[in-house]
Every structure is written in structure tokens, then in C-alpha cells.
N, C-alpha and C. Protein backbone atom coordinates (compact mmCIF):
# COMPACT_ATOMS: atom_id res chain seq x y z
N MET A 1 -11.74 39.61 23.34
CA MET A 1 -12.07 38.47 24.17
C MET A 1 -11.97 37.19 23.32
N ILE A 2 -11.46 36.14 23.94
CA ILE A 2 -11.18 34.92 23.24
C ILE A 2 -12.49 34.26 22.76
N LEU A 3 -13.58 34.35 23.53
CA LEU A 3 -14.86 33.78 23.10
C LEU A 3 -15.38 34.46 21.85
N ASP A 4 -15.17 35.76 21.69
CA ASP A 4 -15.56 36.48 20.48
C ASP A 4 -14.82 35.94 19.29
N LYS A 5 -13.54 35.70 19.46
CA LYS A 5 -12.69 35.18 18.35
C LYS A 5 -13.10 33.74 17.93
N ILE A 6 -13.40 32.95 18.93
CA ILE A 6 -13.89 31.59 18.61
C ILE A 6 -15.15 31.63 17.89
N ALA A 7 -16.08 32.48 18.33
CA ALA A 7 -17.39 32.59 17.66
C ALA A 7 -17.20 33.08 16.22
N MET A 8 -16.33 34.03 16.04
CA MET A 8 -16.10 34.56 14.68
C MET A 8 -15.47 33.49 13.79
N LEU A 9 -14.57 32.69 14.32
CA LEU A 9 -13.96 31.57 13.55
C LEU A 9 -15.01 30.57 13.15
N LEU A 10 -15.90 30.20 14.07
CA LEU A 10 -16.98 29.27 13.69
C LEU A 10 -17.89 29.83 12.71
N LEU A 11 -18.16 31.13 12.74
CA LEU A 11 -19.03 31.79 11.70
C LEU A 11 -18.35 31.79 10.36
N ILE A 12 -17.06 32.00 10.34
CA ILE A 12 -16.32 31.89 9.03
C ILE A 12 -16.38 30.51 8.47
N ILE A 13 -16.21 29.49 9.33
CA ILE A 13 -16.29 28.11 8.87
C ILE A 13 -17.73 27.82 8.31
N GLY A 14 -18.71 28.31 9.07
CA GLY A 14 -20.13 28.14 8.66
C GLY A 14 -20.41 28.89 7.34
N GLY A 15 -19.88 30.05 7.19
CA GLY A 15 -20.06 30.84 5.98
C GLY A 15 -19.41 30.17 4.76
N ILE A 16 -18.20 29.68 4.96
CA ILE A 16 -17.54 28.94 3.88
C ILE A 16 -18.38 27.69 3.48
N ASN A 17 -18.85 27.01 4.50
CA ASN A 17 -19.63 25.80 4.26
C ASN A 17 -20.90 26.15 3.48
N TRP A 18 -21.63 27.21 3.87
CA TRP A 18 -22.79 27.58 3.16
C TRP A 18 -22.49 28.02 1.75
N GLY A 19 -21.34 28.63 1.55
CA GLY A 19 -20.94 29.06 0.20
C GLY A 19 -20.72 27.85 -0.68
N LEU A 20 -20.08 26.82 -0.12
CA LEU A 20 -19.87 25.60 -0.85
C LEU A 20 -21.18 24.93 -1.22
N VAL A 21 -22.12 24.94 -0.25
CA VAL A 21 -23.42 24.35 -0.46
C VAL A 21 -24.17 25.12 -1.56
N GLY A 22 -24.10 26.43 -1.54
CA GLY A 22 -24.84 27.28 -2.51
C GLY A 22 -24.23 27.18 -3.89
N ILE A 23 -22.92 27.11 -3.99
CA ILE A 23 -22.28 27.13 -5.32
C ILE A 23 -22.13 25.75 -5.92
N PHE A 24 -21.69 24.82 -5.08
CA PHE A 24 -21.36 23.46 -5.61
C PHE A 24 -22.25 22.34 -5.10
N GLU A 25 -23.24 22.73 -4.24
CA GLU A 25 -24.06 21.68 -3.62
C GLU A 25 -23.23 20.66 -2.88
N PHE A 26 -22.22 21.14 -2.15
CA PHE A 26 -21.31 20.28 -1.45
C PHE A 26 -21.19 20.76 0.01
N ASP A 27 -21.62 19.91 0.93
CA ASP A 27 -21.58 20.26 2.37
C ASP A 27 -20.30 19.70 2.94
N LEU A 28 -19.31 20.51 3.19
CA LEU A 28 -17.98 20.11 3.64
C LEU A 28 -18.10 19.47 5.03
N VAL A 29 -18.88 20.05 5.92
CA VAL A 29 -19.01 19.52 7.26
C VAL A 29 -19.54 18.10 7.23
N ALA A 30 -20.63 17.92 6.48
CA ALA A 30 -21.21 16.57 6.31
C ALA A 30 -20.16 15.60 5.66
N PHE A 31 -19.45 16.05 4.68
CA PHE A 31 -18.47 15.22 4.04
C PHE A 31 -17.37 14.77 4.99
N LEU A 32 -16.87 15.68 5.84
CA LEU A 32 -15.80 15.38 6.72
C LEU A 32 -16.21 14.52 7.88
N PHE A 33 -17.47 14.64 8.36
CA PHE A 33 -17.86 14.01 9.59
C PHE A 33 -18.97 13.00 9.44
N GLY A 34 -19.17 12.40 8.22
CA GLY A 34 -20.02 11.24 8.06
C GLY A 34 -21.44 11.51 7.72
N GLY A 35 -21.74 12.64 7.11
CA GLY A 35 -23.09 12.95 6.69
C GLY A 35 -23.72 14.00 7.61
N SER A 36 -24.78 14.64 7.10
CA SER A 36 -25.38 15.73 7.87
C SER A 36 -26.16 15.25 9.06
N ALA A 37 -26.51 13.99 9.15
CA ALA A 37 -27.26 13.42 10.24
C ALA A 37 -26.36 12.85 11.32
N ALA A 38 -25.04 12.80 11.02
CA ALA A 38 -24.11 12.23 12.03
C ALA A 38 -24.08 13.22 13.26
N ILE A 39 -23.88 12.67 14.38
CA ILE A 39 -23.95 13.44 15.64
C ILE A 39 -22.87 14.53 15.65
N ILE A 40 -21.66 14.24 15.16
CA ILE A 40 -20.61 15.26 15.17
C ILE A 40 -20.97 16.40 14.23
N SER A 41 -21.53 16.12 13.08
CA SER A 41 -21.97 17.15 12.16
C SER A 41 -23.04 18.03 12.80
N ARG A 42 -24.00 17.38 13.46
CA ARG A 42 -25.06 18.16 14.13
C ARG A 42 -24.51 19.04 15.23
N ILE A 43 -23.52 18.48 15.97
CA ILE A 43 -22.90 19.32 17.03
C ILE A 43 -22.21 20.56 16.42
N ILE A 44 -21.50 20.36 15.30
CA ILE A 44 -20.87 21.49 14.66
C ILE A 44 -21.86 22.48 14.16
N TYR A 45 -22.95 22.03 13.55
CA TYR A 45 -24.02 22.96 13.08
C TYR A 45 -24.55 23.73 14.27
N VAL A 46 -24.80 23.10 15.41
CA VAL A 46 -25.34 23.78 16.61
C VAL A 46 -24.33 24.77 17.13
N LEU A 47 -23.06 24.43 17.14
CA LEU A 47 -22.05 25.33 17.61
C LEU A 47 -21.95 26.59 16.75
N ILE A 48 -22.09 26.40 15.42
CA ILE A 48 -22.08 27.53 14.53
C ILE A 48 -23.32 28.41 14.74
N ALA A 49 -24.49 27.78 14.99
CA ALA A 49 -25.69 28.59 15.28
C ALA A 49 -25.55 29.37 16.59
N ILE A 50 -25.00 28.76 17.60
CA ILE A 50 -24.77 29.47 18.90
C ILE A 50 -23.76 30.60 18.67
N SER A 51 -22.76 30.36 17.85
CA SER A 51 -21.79 31.41 17.52
C SER A 51 -22.45 32.63 16.86
N ALA A 52 -23.41 32.33 16.00
CA ALA A 52 -24.12 33.44 15.28
C ALA A 52 -24.92 34.22 16.32
N LEU A 53 -25.54 33.54 17.24
CA LEU A 53 -26.29 34.26 18.30
C LEU A 53 -25.35 35.05 19.18
N TRP A 54 -24.23 34.52 19.49
CA TRP A 54 -23.25 35.22 20.38
C TRP A 54 -22.75 36.49 19.65
N CYS A 55 -22.53 36.37 18.34
CA CYS A 55 -22.02 37.51 17.57
C CYS A 55 -22.99 38.66 17.48
N ILE A 56 -24.25 38.39 17.65
CA ILE A 56 -25.22 39.50 17.69
C ILE A 56 -24.79 40.49 18.79
N SER A 57 -24.29 40.03 19.88
CA SER A 57 -23.85 40.90 20.98
C SER A 57 -22.68 41.78 20.56
N LEU A 58 -21.92 41.36 19.58
CA LEU A 58 -20.77 42.21 19.16
C LEU A 58 -21.23 43.53 18.59
N PHE A 59 -22.41 43.56 17.96
CA PHE A 59 -22.93 44.81 17.48
C PHE A 59 -23.11 45.79 18.59
N PHE A 60 -23.65 45.36 19.70
CA PHE A 60 -23.89 46.19 20.86
C PHE A 60 -22.60 46.54 21.60
N LYS A 61 -21.65 45.65 21.59
CA LYS A 61 -20.33 45.99 22.27
C LYS A 61 -19.63 47.07 21.53
N ARG A 62 -19.59 47.01 20.21
CA ARG A 62 -18.95 48.05 19.40
C ARG A 62 -19.56 49.38 19.66
N GLU A 63 -20.87 49.42 19.64
CA GLU A 63 -21.65 50.67 19.82
C GLU A 63 -21.37 51.25 21.21
N SER A 64 -21.36 50.45 22.23
CA SER A 64 -21.12 50.90 23.58
C SER A 64 -19.67 51.41 23.75
N LEU A 65 -18.71 50.77 23.06
CA LEU A 65 -17.33 51.23 23.12
C LEU A 65 -17.22 52.59 22.45
N ILE A 66 -17.89 52.83 21.36
CA ILE A 66 -17.78 54.05 20.66
C ILE A 66 -18.43 55.18 21.49
N SER A 67 -19.59 54.95 22.05
CA SER A 67 -20.27 55.97 22.82
C SER A 67 -19.47 56.29 24.12
N GLU A 68 -18.84 55.25 24.72
CA GLU A 68 -18.00 55.55 25.91
C GLU A 68 -16.84 56.38 25.53
N THR A 69 -16.19 56.17 24.42
CA THR A 69 -15.05 56.97 23.97
C THR A 69 -15.45 58.39 23.70
N GLN A 70 -16.59 58.63 23.05
CA GLN A 70 -17.02 59.95 22.75
C GLN A 70 -17.43 60.74 24.00
N THR A 71 -18.01 60.08 24.96
CA THR A 71 -18.44 60.81 26.22
C THR A 71 -17.29 61.12 27.08
N SER A 72 -16.20 60.40 26.98
CA SER A 72 -15.05 60.63 27.86
C SER A 72 -14.18 61.81 27.41
N ARG A 73 -14.42 62.30 26.21
CA ARG A 73 -13.61 63.42 25.68
C ARG A 73 -14.11 64.75 26.24
């Protein structure tokens, strides 16, 4: 599903950003969009958080797909 891929992409961006913060104390999102308090930066942070919540559902989708495959045999 396309929404799953978008959510995963945003999580990858967020993970890279957190890695940069942890290793170099450099927030790439804040740097690119005018600081961490800038409205666009805050929107990106919120989208990444929503993506993380969305991806929780992927754990249950995978499990249901596996159980459906096993019961159909």
C-alpha cells in the first residue's frame, strides 16, 4: 500500500535525523527549514510521529498475512 511506503520513508528520514542529532548534535530538519520552532519543521516532526504510529499497524498486518497463508494450506 502506498500509505505504508510513505510512512516508512518518513520514518527513515526521521531516523537519519535522530542519528545526526545523536552523533553530531545537528538537526537536519531544523537546519533546512529555519529552526526547530519553525512551523514547517514542526509539521515535519508531526508527520514523522504520525508515520511512526501508522507503522505500528504494520506489525499486525504482517502477522495476519502469515496466519492467513498458513490456514489456507
